Amino acid sequence: MHFSRKVSHSAALITKQAPLLRDFERAEIVVSIGKVTSQLAQLLVQPTLRQRIIVVKLNDPYLVEKRCLAEYEDVPGLEASLLVAKYEERSDRLD
């Protein structure tokens, strides 16, 4: 993949700005500059298995129904398991 001189120049500027380069690294974006051509490539960012499980659990109709029941009714044991799920969800946001 070849980029125009404008993009090549942008890639060179990015590598000289440490905070911006760190942000790119966190987002898994690789900036590389070669002698002849410059390339700016983004790696495919895929959610981890844990993140996918959390999303599936949040969208599962059965679990959504049970969460609603727990909010409006006193279902023994259900509230405690939902609190654990909410704690796991919050701790994932902190990662």
N, C-alpha and C. Protein backbone atom coordinates (compact mmCIF):
# COMPACT_ATOMS: atom_id res chain seq x y z
N MET A 1 0.85 -1.17 0.00
CA MET A 1 0.00 0.00 0.00
C MET A 1 0.90 1.24 0.00
N HIS A 2 0.70 2.10 -0.94
CA HIS A 2 1.50 3.32 -1.02
C HIS A 2 0.61 4.52 -0.73
N PHE A 3 1.17 5.48 -0.06
CA PHE A 3 0.44 6.68 0.31
C PHE A 3 1.03 7.88 -0.41
N SER A 4 0.25 8.92 -0.50
CA SER A 4 0.74 10.15 -1.11
C SER A 4 1.78 10.79 -0.21
N ARG A 5 2.45 11.79 -0.72
CA ARG A 5 3.45 12.49 0.09
C ARG A 5 2.81 13.15 1.30
N LYS A 6 1.57 13.61 1.14
CA LYS A 6 0.88 14.25 2.25
C LYS A 6 0.71 13.27 3.41
N VAL A 7 0.28 12.04 3.11
CA VAL A 7 0.11 11.03 4.15
C VAL A 7 1.46 10.61 4.70
N SER A 8 2.45 10.51 3.85
CA SER A 8 3.80 10.16 4.31
C SER A 8 4.31 11.21 5.29
N HIS A 9 4.07 12.45 4.97
CA HIS A 9 4.48 13.54 5.85
C HIS A 9 3.73 13.45 7.18
N SER A 10 2.43 13.12 7.12
CA SER A 10 1.64 12.97 8.35
C SER A 10 2.19 11.85 9.22
N ALA A 11 2.59 10.74 8.61
CA ALA A 11 3.15 9.63 9.37
C ALA A 11 4.44 10.06 10.05
N ALA A 12 5.24 10.85 9.37
CA ALA A 12 6.49 11.33 9.97
C ALA A 12 6.19 12.26 11.15
N LEU A 13 5.18 13.10 11.02
CA LEU A 13 4.82 14.00 12.12
C LEU A 13 4.29 13.23 13.33
N ILE A 14 3.50 12.19 13.06
CA ILE A 14 2.94 11.39 14.15
C ILE A 14 4.03 10.78 15.01
N THR A 15 5.07 10.26 14.38
CA THR A 15 6.13 9.59 15.13
C THR A 15 6.95 10.56 15.97
N LYS A 16 6.87 11.84 15.67
CA LYS A 16 7.62 12.84 16.43
C LYS A 16 6.83 13.37 17.62
N GLN A 17 5.55 13.02 17.72
CA GLN A 17 4.70 13.49 18.81
C GLN A 17 4.39 12.32 19.74
N ALA A 18 5.14 12.24 20.84
CA ALA A 18 5.06 11.09 21.75
C ALA A 18 3.64 10.81 22.27
N PRO A 19 2.89 11.82 22.76
CA PRO A 19 1.55 11.52 23.26
C PRO A 19 0.63 10.94 22.18
N LEU A 20 0.71 11.48 20.99
CA LEU A 20 -0.11 10.98 19.89
C LEU A 20 0.30 9.56 19.50
N LEU A 21 1.58 9.31 19.49
CA LEU A 21 2.08 7.98 19.16
C LEU A 21 1.62 6.96 20.20
N ARG A 22 1.63 7.34 21.49
CA ARG A 22 1.15 6.44 22.55
C ARG A 22 -0.34 6.13 22.36
N ASP A 23 -1.13 7.15 22.00
CA ASP A 23 -2.56 6.93 21.75
C ASP A 23 -2.76 5.95 20.59
N PHE A 24 -1.96 6.10 19.55
CA PHE A 24 -2.03 5.18 18.41
C PHE A 24 -1.69 3.77 18.84
N GLU A 25 -0.66 3.62 19.68
CA GLU A 25 -0.26 2.30 20.14
C GLU A 25 -1.36 1.66 20.97
N ARG A 26 -2.02 2.45 21.84
CA ARG A 26 -3.13 1.92 22.64
C ARG A 26 -4.28 1.45 21.75
N ALA A 27 -4.49 2.15 20.65
CA ALA A 27 -5.55 1.77 19.71
C ALA A 27 -5.09 0.71 18.72
N GLU A 28 -3.88 0.20 18.93
CA GLU A 28 -3.27 -0.82 18.09
C GLU A 28 -3.14 -0.37 16.64
N ILE A 29 -2.75 0.89 16.47
CA ILE A 29 -2.48 1.43 15.15
C ILE A 29 -0.97 1.54 15.01
N VAL A 30 -0.45 0.94 13.97
CA VAL A 30 0.99 0.92 13.77
C VAL A 30 1.38 2.01 12.78
N VAL A 31 2.37 2.79 13.15
CA VAL A 31 2.89 3.82 12.26
C VAL A 31 4.32 3.43 11.93
N SER A 32 4.59 3.22 10.65
CA SER A 32 5.96 2.86 10.28
C SER A 32 6.40 3.73 9.11
N ILE A 33 7.65 4.12 9.15
CA ILE A 33 8.20 4.97 8.10
C ILE A 33 9.41 4.27 7.51
N GLY A 34 9.37 4.05 6.21
CA GLY A 34 10.48 3.42 5.51
C GLY A 34 11.31 4.46 4.80
N LYS A 35 12.42 4.01 4.19
CA LYS A 35 13.29 4.95 3.47
C LYS A 35 12.61 5.49 2.22
N VAL A 36 11.96 4.61 1.47
CA VAL A 36 11.38 5.04 0.21
C VAL A 36 9.91 5.40 0.36
N THR A 37 9.17 4.57 1.04
CA THR A 37 7.74 4.85 1.19
C THR A 37 7.37 4.87 2.66
N SER A 38 6.31 5.53 2.95
CA SER A 38 5.79 5.57 4.32
C SER A 38 4.45 4.86 4.33
N GLN A 39 4.20 4.18 5.41
CA GLN A 39 2.93 3.46 5.51
C GLN A 39 2.29 3.74 6.86
N LEU A 40 0.99 3.84 6.84
CA LEU A 40 0.21 3.99 8.06
C LEU A 40 -0.84 2.89 8.00
N ALA A 41 -0.71 1.90 8.86
CA ALA A 41 -1.61 0.75 8.81
C ALA A 41 -2.29 0.55 10.15
N GLN A 42 -3.54 0.22 10.09
CA GLN A 42 -4.28 -0.06 11.32
C GLN A 42 -4.49 -1.56 11.41
N LEU A 43 -4.12 -2.11 12.56
CA LEU A 43 -4.35 -3.53 12.78
C LEU A 43 -5.82 -3.75 13.09
N LEU A 44 -6.28 -4.91 12.73
CA LEU A 44 -7.66 -5.25 13.04
C LEU A 44 -7.80 -5.42 14.54
N VAL A 45 -8.70 -4.66 15.12
CA VAL A 45 -8.92 -4.72 16.56
C VAL A 45 -10.15 -5.58 16.79
N GLN A 46 -9.95 -6.72 17.43
CA GLN A 46 -11.06 -7.62 17.70
C GLN A 46 -11.32 -7.66 19.19
N PRO A 47 -12.60 -7.71 19.56
CA PRO A 47 -12.90 -7.78 20.99
C PRO A 47 -12.41 -9.11 21.56
N THR A 48 -12.01 -9.08 22.80
CA THR A 48 -11.58 -10.31 23.45
C THR A 48 -12.79 -11.20 23.68
N LEU A 49 -12.53 -12.46 23.94
CA LEU A 49 -13.62 -13.40 24.19
C LEU A 49 -14.46 -12.94 25.38
N ARG A 50 -13.80 -12.43 26.40
CA ARG A 50 -14.52 -11.96 27.59
C ARG A 50 -15.47 -10.81 27.24
N GLN A 51 -15.01 -9.88 26.42
CA GLN A 51 -15.86 -8.75 26.01
C GLN A 51 -17.06 -9.25 25.20
N ARG A 52 -16.82 -10.23 24.32
CA ARG A 52 -17.92 -10.76 23.51
C ARG A 52 -18.96 -11.46 24.39
N ILE A 53 -18.49 -12.20 25.41
CA ILE A 53 -19.42 -12.87 26.32
C ILE A 53 -20.28 -11.86 27.06
N ILE A 54 -19.67 -10.78 27.52
CA ILE A 54 -20.41 -9.73 28.24
C ILE A 54 -21.48 -9.12 27.35
N VAL A 55 -21.13 -8.83 26.10
CA VAL A 55 -22.10 -8.24 25.17
C VAL A 55 -23.25 -9.21 24.92
N VAL A 56 -22.92 -10.48 24.72
CA VAL A 56 -23.96 -11.48 24.48
C VAL A 56 -24.88 -11.60 25.69
N LYS A 57 -24.29 -11.60 26.89
CA LYS A 57 -25.10 -11.69 28.11
C LYS A 57 -26.02 -10.49 28.25
N LEU A 58 -25.53 -9.32 27.92
CA LEU A 58 -26.35 -8.11 28.06
C LEU A 58 -27.51 -8.09 27.07
N ASN A 59 -27.34 -8.76 25.93
CA ASN A 59 -28.37 -8.76 24.89
C ASN A 59 -29.21 -10.03 24.87
N ASP A 60 -28.94 -10.98 25.75
CA ASP A 60 -29.68 -12.24 25.80
C ASP A 60 -31.10 -11.98 26.32
N PRO A 61 -32.14 -12.31 25.53
CA PRO A 61 -33.52 -12.03 25.94
C PRO A 61 -33.89 -12.67 27.28
N TYR A 62 -33.43 -13.89 27.52
CA TYR A 62 -33.74 -14.58 28.78
C TYR A 62 -33.16 -13.81 29.96
N LEU A 63 -31.89 -13.41 29.84
CA LEU A 63 -31.25 -12.69 30.93
C LEU A 63 -31.83 -11.29 31.11
N VAL A 64 -32.20 -10.65 30.01
CA VAL A 64 -32.84 -9.33 30.09
C VAL A 64 -34.15 -9.45 30.87
N GLU A 65 -34.92 -10.50 30.56
CA GLU A 65 -36.19 -10.71 31.27
C GLU A 65 -35.95 -10.93 32.76
N LYS A 66 -34.96 -11.75 33.09
CA LYS A 66 -34.67 -12.04 34.50
C LYS A 66 -34.18 -10.79 35.23
N ARG A 67 -33.41 -9.95 34.53
CA ARG A 67 -32.96 -8.69 35.14
C ARG A 67 -34.15 -7.79 35.45
N CYS A 68 -35.09 -7.72 34.51
CA CYS A 68 -36.29 -6.90 34.73
C CYS A 68 -37.10 -7.44 35.90
N LEU A 69 -37.25 -8.77 35.97
CA LEU A 69 -37.97 -9.38 37.09
C LEU A 69 -37.29 -9.05 38.41
N ALA A 70 -35.98 -9.10 38.42
CA ALA A 70 -35.23 -8.84 39.65
C ALA A 70 -35.41 -7.40 40.10
N GLU A 71 -35.58 -6.49 39.15
CA GLU A 71 -35.78 -5.09 39.51
C GLU A 71 -37.15 -4.85 40.14
N TYR A 72 -38.16 -5.60 39.69
CA TYR A 72 -39.52 -5.35 40.13
C TYR A 72 -40.07 -6.37 41.11
N GLU A 73 -39.43 -7.54 41.20
CA GLU A 73 -39.91 -8.58 42.10
C GLU A 73 -38.76 -9.09 42.95
N ASP A 74 -39.11 -9.77 44.02
CA ASP A 74 -38.11 -10.36 44.90
C ASP A 74 -37.92 -11.83 44.51
N VAL A 75 -36.94 -12.11 43.68
CA VAL A 75 -36.64 -13.47 43.24
C VAL A 75 -35.42 -13.94 44.02
N PRO A 76 -35.58 -14.97 44.88
CA PRO A 76 -34.46 -15.42 45.72
C PRO A 76 -33.25 -15.85 44.90
N GLY A 77 -32.09 -15.34 45.26
CA GLY A 77 -30.84 -15.72 44.62
C GLY A 77 -30.54 -15.01 43.32
N LEU A 78 -31.57 -14.51 42.66
CA LEU A 78 -31.35 -13.87 41.36
C LEU A 78 -30.65 -12.53 41.50
N GLU A 79 -31.03 -11.77 42.50
CA GLU A 79 -30.44 -10.44 42.68
C GLU A 79 -28.94 -10.54 42.90
N ALA A 80 -28.50 -11.51 43.71
CA ALA A 80 -27.07 -11.66 44.00
C ALA A 80 -26.29 -11.97 42.73
N SER A 81 -26.83 -12.85 41.87
CA SER A 81 -26.11 -13.19 40.64
C SER A 81 -26.05 -12.00 39.69
N LEU A 82 -27.09 -11.18 39.68
CA LEU A 82 -27.08 -9.99 38.82
C LEU A 82 -26.10 -8.95 39.34
N LEU A 83 -25.97 -8.85 40.66
CA LEU A 83 -24.99 -7.92 41.22
C LEU A 83 -23.59 -8.31 40.82
N VAL A 84 -23.30 -9.61 40.80
CA VAL A 84 -21.98 -10.09 40.37
C VAL A 84 -21.76 -9.72 38.91
N ALA A 85 -22.78 -9.91 38.07
CA ALA A 85 -22.66 -9.57 36.65
C ALA A 85 -22.42 -8.07 36.48
N LYS A 86 -23.12 -7.23 37.27
CA LYS A 86 -22.92 -5.78 37.17
C LYS A 86 -21.51 -5.41 37.62
N TYR A 87 -21.00 -6.07 38.67
CA TYR A 87 -19.64 -5.80 39.14
C TYR A 87 -18.63 -6.16 38.06
N GLU A 88 -18.81 -7.32 37.40
CA GLU A 88 -17.89 -7.72 36.34
C GLU A 88 -17.93 -6.73 35.20
N GLU A 89 -19.12 -6.25 34.86
CA GLU A 89 -19.27 -5.29 33.77
C GLU A 89 -18.53 -3.99 34.10
N ARG A 90 -18.67 -3.52 35.33
CA ARG A 90 -17.99 -2.28 35.73
C ARG A 90 -16.48 -2.46 35.73
N SER A 91 -16.00 -3.61 36.21
CA SER A 91 -14.55 -3.83 36.27
C SER A 91 -13.97 -3.91 34.87
N ASP A 92 -14.76 -4.39 33.89
CA ASP A 92 -14.28 -4.43 32.51
C ASP A 92 -14.13 -3.03 31.94
N ARG A 93 -14.98 -2.13 32.34
CA ARG A 93 -14.88 -0.75 31.85
C ARG A 93 -13.62 -0.06 32.35
N LEU A 94 -13.12 -0.50 33.50
CA LEU A 94 -11.93 0.10 34.08
C LEU A 94 -10.66 -0.38 33.40
N ASP A 95 -10.73 -1.53 32.71
CA ASP A 95 -9.53 -2.10 32.05
C ASP A 95 -9.09 -1.28 30.88
